[in-house]
Amino acid sequence: MSSVFKKYRMTRKNVLLLAQAIINVYGKIAWQDYASDSAYPDQHSLTLNEIKGIPEKLERFRNEFTHQMYSNVINDEMQRLVHDI
């Protein structure tokens, strides 16, 4: 993996690359919303088609995963994905 840390912007291309990488590893994008006051966290999931086809879903994904762009693991994966294109 790369030793150089790049600070990626959340452009549409980068968001779609990150979504595709998550789906390739886990088969889906799913997370729990602990911000609500309910006893059980809300379950959310997205498909790549939803992210590509519905602008609101893309924004939801972008908002939820912005912090992931700054982790070393995601950064290395992003560099690999950008290199592969």
PDB file of N, CA and C in Angstrom:
ATOM      1  N   MET A   1       0.833  -1.186   0.000  1.00  0.00           N
ATOM      2  CA  MET A   1       0.000   0.000   0.000  1.00  0.00           C
ATOM      3  C   MET A   1       0.877   1.249   0.000  1.00  0.00           C
ATOM      4  N   SER A   2       0.284   2.329  -0.363  1.00  0.00           N
ATOM      5  CA  SER A   2       1.035   3.569  -0.488  1.00  0.00           C
ATOM      6  C   SER A   2       1.360   4.148   0.880  1.00  0.00           C
ATOM      7  N   SER A   3       2.546   4.732   0.996  1.00  0.00           N
ATOM      8  CA  SER A   3       2.918   5.365   2.247  1.00  0.00           C
ATOM      9  C   SER A   3       2.574   6.852   2.222  1.00  0.00           C
ATOM     10  N   VAL A   4       2.161   7.369   1.065  1.00  0.00           N
ATOM     11  CA  VAL A   4       1.812   8.783   0.940  1.00  0.00           C
ATOM     12  C   VAL A   4       0.327   8.945   1.240  1.00  0.00           C
ATOM     13  N   PHE A   5       0.003   9.857   2.164  1.00  0.00           N
ATOM     14  CA  PHE A   5      -1.402  10.083   2.509  1.00  0.00           C
ATOM     15  C   PHE A   5      -1.934  11.232   1.671  1.00  0.00           C
ATOM     16  N   LYS A   6      -2.955  10.962   0.878  1.00  0.00           N
ATOM     17  CA  LYS A   6      -3.591  11.999   0.074  1.00  0.00           C
ATOM     18  C   LYS A   6      -4.922  12.350   0.716  1.00  0.00           C
ATOM     19  N   LYS A   7      -5.240  13.626   0.740  1.00  0.00           N
ATOM     20  CA  LYS A   7      -6.519  14.056   1.293  1.00  0.00           C
ATOM     21  C   LYS A   7      -7.516  14.147   0.137  1.00  0.00           C
ATOM     22  N   TYR A   8      -8.393  13.153   0.044  1.00  0.00           N
ATOM     23  CA  TYR A   8      -9.349  13.092  -1.059  1.00  0.00           C
ATOM     24  C   TYR A   8     -10.551  13.972  -0.778  1.00  0.00           C
ATOM     25  N   ARG A   9     -11.027  14.626  -1.822  1.00  0.00           N
ATOM     26  CA  ARG A   9     -12.260  15.391  -1.725  1.00  0.00           C
ATOM     27  C   ARG A   9     -13.423  14.446  -2.000  1.00  0.00           C
ATOM     28  N   MET A  10     -14.567  14.794  -1.489  1.00  0.00           N
ATOM     29  CA  MET A  10     -15.743  13.955  -1.688  1.00  0.00           C
ATOM     30  C   MET A  10     -16.432  14.319  -2.996  1.00  0.00           C
ATOM     31  N   THR A  11     -15.710  14.193  -4.088  1.00  0.00           N
ATOM     32  CA  THR A  11     -16.305  14.405  -5.399  1.00  0.00           C
ATOM     33  C   THR A  11     -17.216  13.227  -5.713  1.00  0.00           C
ATOM     34  N   ARG A  12     -18.064  13.400  -6.719  1.00  0.00           N
ATOM     35  CA  ARG A  12     -18.968  12.305  -7.105  1.00  0.00           C
ATOM     36  C   ARG A  12     -18.166  11.057  -7.464  1.00  0.00           C
ATOM     37  N   LYS A  13     -17.077  11.228  -8.204  1.00  0.00           N
ATOM     38  CA  LYS A  13     -16.241  10.088  -8.599  1.00  0.00           C
ATOM     39  C   LYS A  13     -15.677   9.384  -7.366  1.00  0.00           C
ATOM     40  N   ASN A  14     -15.154  10.141  -6.417  1.00  0.00           N
ATOM     41  CA  ASN A  14     -14.572   9.536  -5.226  1.00  0.00           C
ATOM     42  C   ASN A  14     -15.627   8.863  -4.351  1.00  0.00           C
ATOM     43  N   VAL A  15     -16.803   9.466  -4.271  1.00  0.00           N
ATOM     44  CA  VAL A  15     -17.896   8.861  -3.502  1.00  0.00           C
ATOM     45  C   VAL A  15     -18.296   7.526  -4.131  1.00  0.00           C
ATOM     46  N   LEU A  16     -18.401   7.491  -5.453  1.00  0.00           N
ATOM     47  CA  LEU A  16     -18.771   6.251  -6.133  1.00  0.00           C
ATOM     48  C   LEU A  16     -17.671   5.198  -6.012  1.00  0.00           C
ATOM     49  N   LEU A  17     -16.400   5.620  -6.060  1.00  0.00           N
ATOM     50  CA  LEU A  17     -15.297   4.681  -5.859  1.00  0.00           C
ATOM     51  C   LEU A  17     -15.348   4.077  -4.463  1.00  0.00           C
ATOM     52  N   LEU A  18     -15.593   4.920  -3.473  1.00  0.00           N
ATOM     53  CA  LEU A  18     -15.665   4.435  -2.097  1.00  0.00           C
ATOM     54  C   LEU A  18     -16.857   3.493  -1.922  1.00  0.00           C
ATOM     55  N   ALA A  19     -17.995   3.845  -2.497  1.00  0.00           N
ATOM     56  CA  ALA A  19     -19.177   2.984  -2.407  1.00  0.00           C
ATOM     57  C   ALA A  19     -18.910   1.631  -3.057  1.00  0.00           C
ATOM     58  N   GLN A  20     -18.299   1.648  -4.235  1.00  0.00           N
ATOM     59  CA  GLN A  20     -18.006   0.393  -4.935  1.00  0.00           C
ATOM     60  C   GLN A  20     -17.040  -0.465  -4.126  1.00  0.00           C
ATOM     61  N   ALA A  21     -16.030   0.158  -3.509  1.00  0.00           N
ATOM     62  CA  ALA A  21     -15.066  -0.589  -2.706  1.00  0.00           C
ATOM     63  C   ALA A  21     -15.751  -1.246  -1.506  1.00  0.00           C
ATOM     64  N   ILE A  22     -16.663  -0.533  -0.859  1.00  0.00           N
ATOM     65  CA  ILE A  22     -17.378  -1.086   0.292  1.00  0.00           C
ATOM     66  C   ILE A  22     -18.262  -2.248  -0.149  1.00  0.00           C
ATOM     67  N   ILE A  23     -18.968  -2.070  -1.268  1.00  0.00           N
ATOM     68  CA  ILE A  23     -19.845  -3.131  -1.767  1.00  0.00           C
ATOM     69  C   ILE A  23     -19.032  -4.347  -2.187  1.00  0.00           C
ATOM     70  N   ASN A  24     -17.871  -4.142  -2.793  1.00  0.00           N
ATOM     71  CA  ASN A  24     -17.026  -5.264  -3.199  1.00  0.00           C
ATOM     72  C   ASN A  24     -16.568  -6.088  -2.004  1.00  0.00           C
ATOM     73  N   VAL A  25     -16.312  -5.436  -0.884  1.00  0.00           N
ATOM     74  CA  VAL A  25     -15.820  -6.135   0.303  1.00  0.00           C
ATOM     75  C   VAL A  25     -16.973  -6.750   1.100  1.00  0.00           C
ATOM     76  N   TYR A  26     -18.030  -5.969   1.331  1.00  0.00           N
ATOM     77  CA  TYR A  26     -19.096  -6.409   2.237  1.00  0.00           C
ATOM     78  C   TYR A  26     -20.373  -6.856   1.533  1.00  0.00           C
ATOM     79  N   GLY A  27     -20.486  -6.620   0.240  1.00  0.00           N
ATOM     80  CA  GLY A  27     -21.677  -7.006  -0.487  1.00  0.00           C
ATOM     81  C   GLY A  27     -22.796  -5.992  -0.426  1.00  0.00           C
ATOM     82  N   LYS A  28     -22.728  -5.065   0.498  1.00  0.00           N
ATOM     83  CA  LYS A  28     -23.725  -4.002   0.615  1.00  0.00           C
ATOM     84  C   LYS A  28     -23.136  -2.899   1.496  1.00  0.00           C
ATOM     85  N   ILE A  29     -23.823  -1.788   1.523  1.00  0.00           N
ATOM     86  CA  ILE A  29     -23.453  -0.698   2.419  1.00  0.00           C
ATOM     87  C   ILE A  29     -24.545  -0.632   3.472  1.00  0.00           C
ATOM     88  N   ALA A  30     -24.179  -0.856   4.700  1.00  0.00           N
ATOM     89  CA  ALA A  30     -25.157  -0.832   5.788  1.00  0.00           C
ATOM     90  C   ALA A  30     -24.535  -0.175   7.007  1.00  0.00           C
ATOM     91  N   TRP A  31     -25.339   0.554   7.733  1.00  0.00           N
ATOM     92  CA  TRP A  31     -24.861   1.165   8.966  1.00  0.00           C
ATOM     93  C   TRP A  31     -26.037   1.378   9.900  1.00  0.00           C
ATOM     94  N   GLN A  32     -25.713   1.638  11.155  1.00  0.00           N
ATOM     95  CA  GLN A  32     -26.732   1.878  12.170  1.00  0.00           C
ATOM     96  C   GLN A  32     -26.655   3.333  12.605  1.00  0.00           C
ATOM     97  N   ASP A  33     -27.819   3.944  12.789  1.00  0.00           N
ATOM     98  CA  ASP A  33     -27.902   5.342  13.203  1.00  0.00           C
ATOM     99  C   ASP A  33     -28.132   5.381  14.706  1.00  0.00           C
ATOM    100  N   TYR A  34     -27.072   5.696  15.434  1.00  0.00           N
ATOM    101  CA  TYR A  34     -27.164   5.761  16.891  1.00  0.00           C
ATOM    102  C   TYR A  34     -27.588   7.140  17.373  1.00  0.00           C
ATOM    103  N   ALA A  35     -27.821   8.077  16.464  1.00  0.00           N
ATOM    104  CA  ALA A  35     -28.172   9.436  16.851  1.00  0.00           C
ATOM    105  C   ALA A  35     -29.621   9.563  17.306  1.00  0.00           C
ATOM    106  N   SER A  36     -30.460   8.604  16.949  1.00  0.00           N
ATOM    107  CA  SER A  36     -31.866   8.697  17.341  1.00  0.00           C
ATOM    108  C   SER A  36     -32.030   8.307  18.813  1.00  0.00           C
ATOM    109  N   ASP A  37     -33.169   8.664  19.367  1.00  0.00           N
ATOM    110  CA  ASP A  37     -33.452   8.376  20.773  1.00  0.00           C
ATOM    111  C   ASP A  37     -34.109   7.015  20.981  1.00  0.00           C
ATOM    112  N   SER A  38     -34.292   6.259  19.921  1.00  0.00           N
ATOM    113  CA  SER A  38     -34.971   4.973  20.060  1.00  0.00           C
ATOM    114  C   SER A  38     -34.077   3.960  20.774  1.00  0.00           C
ATOM    115  N   ALA A  39     -34.720   2.954  21.355  1.00  0.00           N
ATOM    116  CA  ALA A  39     -33.972   1.929  22.093  1.00  0.00           C
ATOM    117  C   ALA A  39     -33.076   1.124  21.169  1.00  0.00           C
ATOM    118  N   TYR A  40     -33.503   0.968  19.933  1.00  0.00           N
ATOM    119  CA  TYR A  40     -32.720   0.236  18.942  1.00  0.00           C
ATOM    120  C   TYR A  40     -32.329   1.191  17.829  1.00  0.00           C
ATOM    121  N   PRO A  41     -31.078   1.169  17.421  1.00  0.00           N
ATOM    122  CA  PRO A  41     -30.650   2.101  16.361  1.00  0.00           C
ATOM    123  C   PRO A  41     -31.335   1.798  15.034  1.00  0.00           C
ATOM    124  N   ASP A  42     -31.573   2.860  14.269  1.00  0.00           N
ATOM    125  CA  ASP A  42     -32.166   2.697  12.935  1.00  0.00           C
ATOM    126  C   ASP A  42     -31.159   2.008  12.018  1.00  0.00           C
ATOM    127  N   GLN A  43     -31.648   1.063  11.240  1.00  0.00           N
ATOM    128  CA  GLN A  43     -30.804   0.351  10.279  1.00  0.00           C
ATOM    129  C   GLN A  43     -30.941   1.021   8.910  1.00  0.00           C
ATOM    130  N   HIS A  44     -29.826   1.259   8.255  1.00  0.00           N
ATOM    131  CA  HIS A  44     -29.830   1.853   6.924  1.00  0.00           C
ATOM    132  C   HIS A  44     -28.995   0.986   6.009  1.00  0.00           C
ATOM    133  N   SER A  45     -29.361   0.926   4.745  1.00  0.00           N
ATOM    134  CA  SER A  45     -28.532   0.262   3.749  1.00  0.00           C
ATOM    135  C   SER A  45     -28.774   0.926   2.398  1.00  0.00           C
ATOM    136  N   LEU A  46     -27.768   0.849   1.559  1.00  0.00           N
ATOM    137  CA  LEU A  46     -27.838   1.438   0.234  1.00  0.00           C
ATOM    138  C   LEU A  46     -27.239   0.478  -0.780  1.00  0.00           C
ATOM    139  N   THR A  47     -27.771   0.510  -1.982  1.00  0.00           N
ATOM    140  CA  THR A  47     -27.168  -0.234  -3.084  1.00  0.00           C
ATOM    141  C   THR A  47     -26.441   0.765  -3.976  1.00  0.00           C
ATOM    142  N   LEU A  48     -25.545   0.268  -4.796  1.00  0.00           N
ATOM    143  CA  LEU A  48     -24.812   1.148  -5.700  1.00  0.00           C
ATOM    144  C   LEU A  48     -25.758   1.794  -6.708  1.00  0.00           C
ATOM    145  N   ASN A  49     -26.775   1.065  -7.156  1.00  0.00           N
ATOM    146  CA  ASN A  49     -27.749   1.640  -8.095  1.00  0.00           C
ATOM    147  C   ASN A  49     -28.505   2.803  -7.463  1.00  0.00           C
ATOM    148  N   GLU A  50     -28.850   2.682  -6.174  1.00  0.00           N
ATOM    149  CA  GLU A  50     -29.519   3.781  -5.485  1.00  0.00           C
ATOM    150  C   GLU A  50     -28.602   4.996  -5.396  1.00  0.00           C
ATOM    151  N   ILE A  51     -27.342   4.746  -5.075  1.00  0.00           N
ATOM    152  CA  ILE A  51     -26.398   5.849  -4.944  1.00  0.00           C
ATOM    153  C   ILE A  51     -26.181   6.540  -6.290  1.00  0.00           C
ATOM    154  N   LYS A  52     -26.096   5.754  -7.355  1.00  0.00           N
ATOM    155  CA  LYS A  52     -25.876   6.326  -8.687  1.00  0.00           C
ATOM    156  C   LYS A  52     -27.117   7.019  -9.228  1.00  0.00           C
ATOM    157  N   GLY A  53     -28.297   6.479  -8.930  1.00  0.00           N
ATOM    158  CA  GLY A  53     -29.515   6.956  -9.583  1.00  0.00           C
ATOM    159  C   GLY A  53     -30.321   7.990  -8.828  1.00  0.00           C
ATOM    160  N   ILE A  54     -30.115   8.102  -7.524  1.00  0.00           N
ATOM    161  CA  ILE A  54     -30.938   9.011  -6.726  1.00  0.00           C
ATOM    162  C   ILE A  54     -30.010  10.009  -6.028  1.00  0.00           C
ATOM    163  N   PRO A  55     -30.023  11.272  -6.453  1.00  0.00           N
ATOM    164  CA  PRO A  55     -29.100  12.263  -5.884  1.00  0.00           C
ATOM    165  C   PRO A  55     -29.193  12.383  -4.363  1.00  0.00           C
ATOM    166  N   GLU A  56     -30.388  12.216  -3.802  1.00  0.00           N
ATOM    167  CA  GLU A  56     -30.546  12.316  -2.351  1.00  0.00           C
ATOM    168  C   GLU A  56     -29.792  11.194  -1.639  1.00  0.00           C
ATOM    169  N   LYS A  57     -29.802  10.003  -2.244  1.00  0.00           N
ATOM    170  CA  LYS A  57     -29.086   8.866  -1.656  1.00  0.00           C
ATOM    171  C   LYS A  57     -27.577   9.096  -1.723  1.00  0.00           C
ATOM    172  N   LEU A  58     -27.113   9.687  -2.824  1.00  0.00           N
ATOM    173  CA  LEU A  58     -25.694  10.006  -2.953  1.00  0.00           C
ATOM    174  C   LEU A  58     -25.278  10.977  -1.856  1.00  0.00           C
ATOM    175  N   GLU A  59     -26.103  11.993  -1.601  1.00  0.00           N
ATOM    176  CA  GLU A  59     -25.790  12.962  -0.555  1.00  0.00           C
ATOM    177  C   GLU A  59     -25.818  12.319   0.828  1.00  0.00           C
ATOM    178  N   ARG A  60     -26.774  11.426   1.039  1.00  0.00           N
ATOM    179  CA  ARG A  60     -26.856  10.711   2.319  1.00  0.00           C
ATOM    180  C   ARG A  60     -25.580   9.894   2.541  1.00  0.00           C
ATOM    181  N   PHE A  61     -25.158   9.178   1.508  1.00  0.00           N
ATOM    182  CA  PHE A  61     -23.931   8.392   1.600  1.00  0.00           C
ATOM    183  C   PHE A  61     -22.737   9.304   1.849  1.00  0.00           C
ATOM    184  N   ARG A  62     -22.663  10.400   1.106  1.00  0.00           N
ATOM    185  CA  ARG A  62     -21.556  11.348   1.263  1.00  0.00           C
ATOM    186  C   ARG A  62     -21.499  11.879   2.692  1.00  0.00           C
ATOM    187  N   ASN A  63     -22.640  12.245   3.244  1.00  0.00           N
ATOM    188  CA  ASN A  63     -22.680  12.773   4.614  1.00  0.00           C
ATOM    189  C   ASN A  63     -22.280  11.726   5.648  1.00  0.00           C
ATOM    190  N   GLU A  64     -22.728  10.499   5.454  1.00  0.00           N
ATOM    191  CA  GLU A  64     -22.449   9.448   6.429  1.00  0.00           C
ATOM    192  C   GLU A  64     -20.994   8.994   6.411  1.00  0.00           C
ATOM    193  N   PHE A  65     -20.351   9.044   5.247  1.00  0.00           N
ATOM    194  CA  PHE A  65     -19.036   8.435   5.113  1.00  0.00           C
ATOM    195  C   PHE A  65     -17.902   9.420   4.852  1.00  0.00           C
ATOM    196  N   THR A  66     -18.152  10.717   5.009  1.00  0.00           N
ATOM    197  CA  THR A  66     -17.102  11.705   4.785  1.00  0.00           C
ATOM    198  C   THR A  66     -15.881  11.419   5.634  1.00  0.00           C
ATOM    199  N   HIS A  67     -16.087  11.078   6.895  1.00  0.00           N
ATOM    200  CA  HIS A  67     -14.952  10.832   7.791  1.00  0.00           C
ATOM    201  C   HIS A  67     -14.112   9.642   7.343  1.00  0.00           C
ATOM    202  N   GLN A  68     -14.698   8.712   6.593  1.00  0.00           N
ATOM    203  CA  GLN A  68     -13.938   7.550   6.134  1.00  0.00           C
ATOM    204  C   GLN A  68     -12.850   7.914   5.128  1.00  0.00           C
ATOM    205  N   MET A  69     -13.021   9.045   4.459  1.00  0.00           N
ATOM    206  CA  MET A  69     -12.042   9.450   3.456  1.00  0.00           C
ATOM    207  C   MET A  69     -10.693   9.770   4.101  1.00  0.00           C
ATOM    208  N   TYR A  70     -10.681   9.958   5.406  1.00  0.00           N
ATOM    209  CA  TYR A  70      -9.456  10.349   6.091  1.00  0.00           C
ATOM    210  C   TYR A  70      -8.838   9.227   6.917  1.00  0.00           C
ATOM    211  N   SER A  71      -9.332   8.001   6.758  1.00  0.00           N
ATOM    212  CA  SER A  71      -8.693   6.866   7.428  1.00  0.00           C
ATOM    213  C   SER A  71      -7.616   6.306   6.520  1.00  0.00           C
ATOM    214  N   ASN A  72      -6.570   5.761   7.105  1.00  0.00           N
ATOM    215  CA  ASN A  72      -5.451   5.227   6.319  1.00  0.00           C
ATOM    216  C   ASN A  72      -5.879   4.076   5.431  1.00  0.00           C
ATOM    217  N   VAL A  73      -6.743   3.206   5.924  1.00  0.00           N
ATOM    218  CA  VAL A  73      -7.179   2.047   5.143  1.00  0.00           C
ATOM    219  C   VAL A  73      -7.945   2.511   3.912  1.00  0.00           C
ATOM    220  N   ILE A  74      -8.913   3.402   4.097  1.00  0.00           N
ATOM    221  CA  ILE A  74      -9.696   3.910   2.975  1.00  0.00           C
ATOM    222  C   ILE A  74      -8.800   4.703   2.033  1.00  0.00           C
ATOM    223  N   ASN A  75      -7.876   5.472   2.581  1.00  0.00           N
ATOM    224  CA  ASN A  75      -6.974   6.258   1.750  1.00  0.00           C
ATOM    225  C   ASN A  75      -6.150   5.357   0.840  1.00  0.00           C
ATOM    226  N   ASP A  76      -5.606   4.294   1.398  1.00  0.00           N
ATOM    227  CA  ASP A  76      -4.830   3.354   0.588  1.00  0.00           C
ATOM    228  C   ASP A  76      -5.703   2.692  -0.476  1.00  0.00           C
ATOM    229  N   GLU A  77      -6.935   2.339  -0.094  1.00  0.00           N
ATOM    230  CA  GLU A  77      -7.854   1.717  -1.047  1.00  0.00           C
ATOM    231  C   GLU A  77      -8.213   2.704  -2.161  1.00  0.00           C
ATOM    232  N   MET A  78      -8.438   3.964  -1.798  1.00  0.00           N
ATOM    233  CA  MET A  78      -8.757   4.978  -2.799  1.00  0.00           C
ATOM    234  C   MET A  78      -7.598   5.134  -3.783  1.00  0.00           C
ATOM    235  N   GLN A  79      -6.376   5.141  -3.287  1.00  0.00           N
ATOM    236  CA  GLN A  79      -5.229   5.263  -4.180  1.00  0.00           C
ATOM    237  C   GLN A  79      -5.153   4.070  -5.134  1.00  0.00           C
ATOM    238  N   ARG A  80      -5.443   2.881  -4.625  1.00  0.00           N
ATOM    239  CA  ARG A  80      -5.433   1.694  -5.459  1.00  0.00           C
ATOM    240  C   ARG A  80      -6.539   1.770  -6.522  1.00  0.00           C
ATOM    241  N   LEU A  81      -7.737   2.189  -6.098  1.00  0.00           N
ATOM    242  CA  LEU A  81      -8.870   2.282  -7.026  1.00  0.00           C
ATOM    243  C   LEU A  81      -8.612   3.327  -8.110  1.00  0.00           C
ATOM    244  N   VAL A  82      -8.090   4.486  -7.728  1.00  0.00           N
ATOM    245  CA  VAL A  82      -7.813   5.538  -8.694  1.00  0.00           C
ATOM    246  C   VAL A  82      -6.731   5.058  -9.668  1.00  0.00           C
ATOM    247  N   HIS A  83      -5.748   4.340  -9.174  1.00  0.00           N
ATOM    248  CA  HIS A  83      -4.681   3.827 -10.032  1.00  0.00           C
ATOM    249  C   HIS A  83      -5.225   2.807 -11.031  1.00  0.00           C
ATOM    250  N   ASP A  84      -6.202   1.985 -10.597  1.00  0.00           N
ATOM    251  CA  ASP A  84      -6.760   0.934 -11.449  1.00  0.00           C
ATOM    252  C   ASP A  84      -7.641   1.475 -12.576  1.00  0.00           C
ATOM    253  N   ILE A  85      -8.147   2.685 -12.427  1.00  0.00           N
ATOM    254  CA  ILE A  85      -9.065   3.233 -13.441  1.00  0.00           C
ATOM    255  C   ILE A  85      -8.303   3.621 -14.694  1.00  0.00           C
TER     256      ILE A  85
END
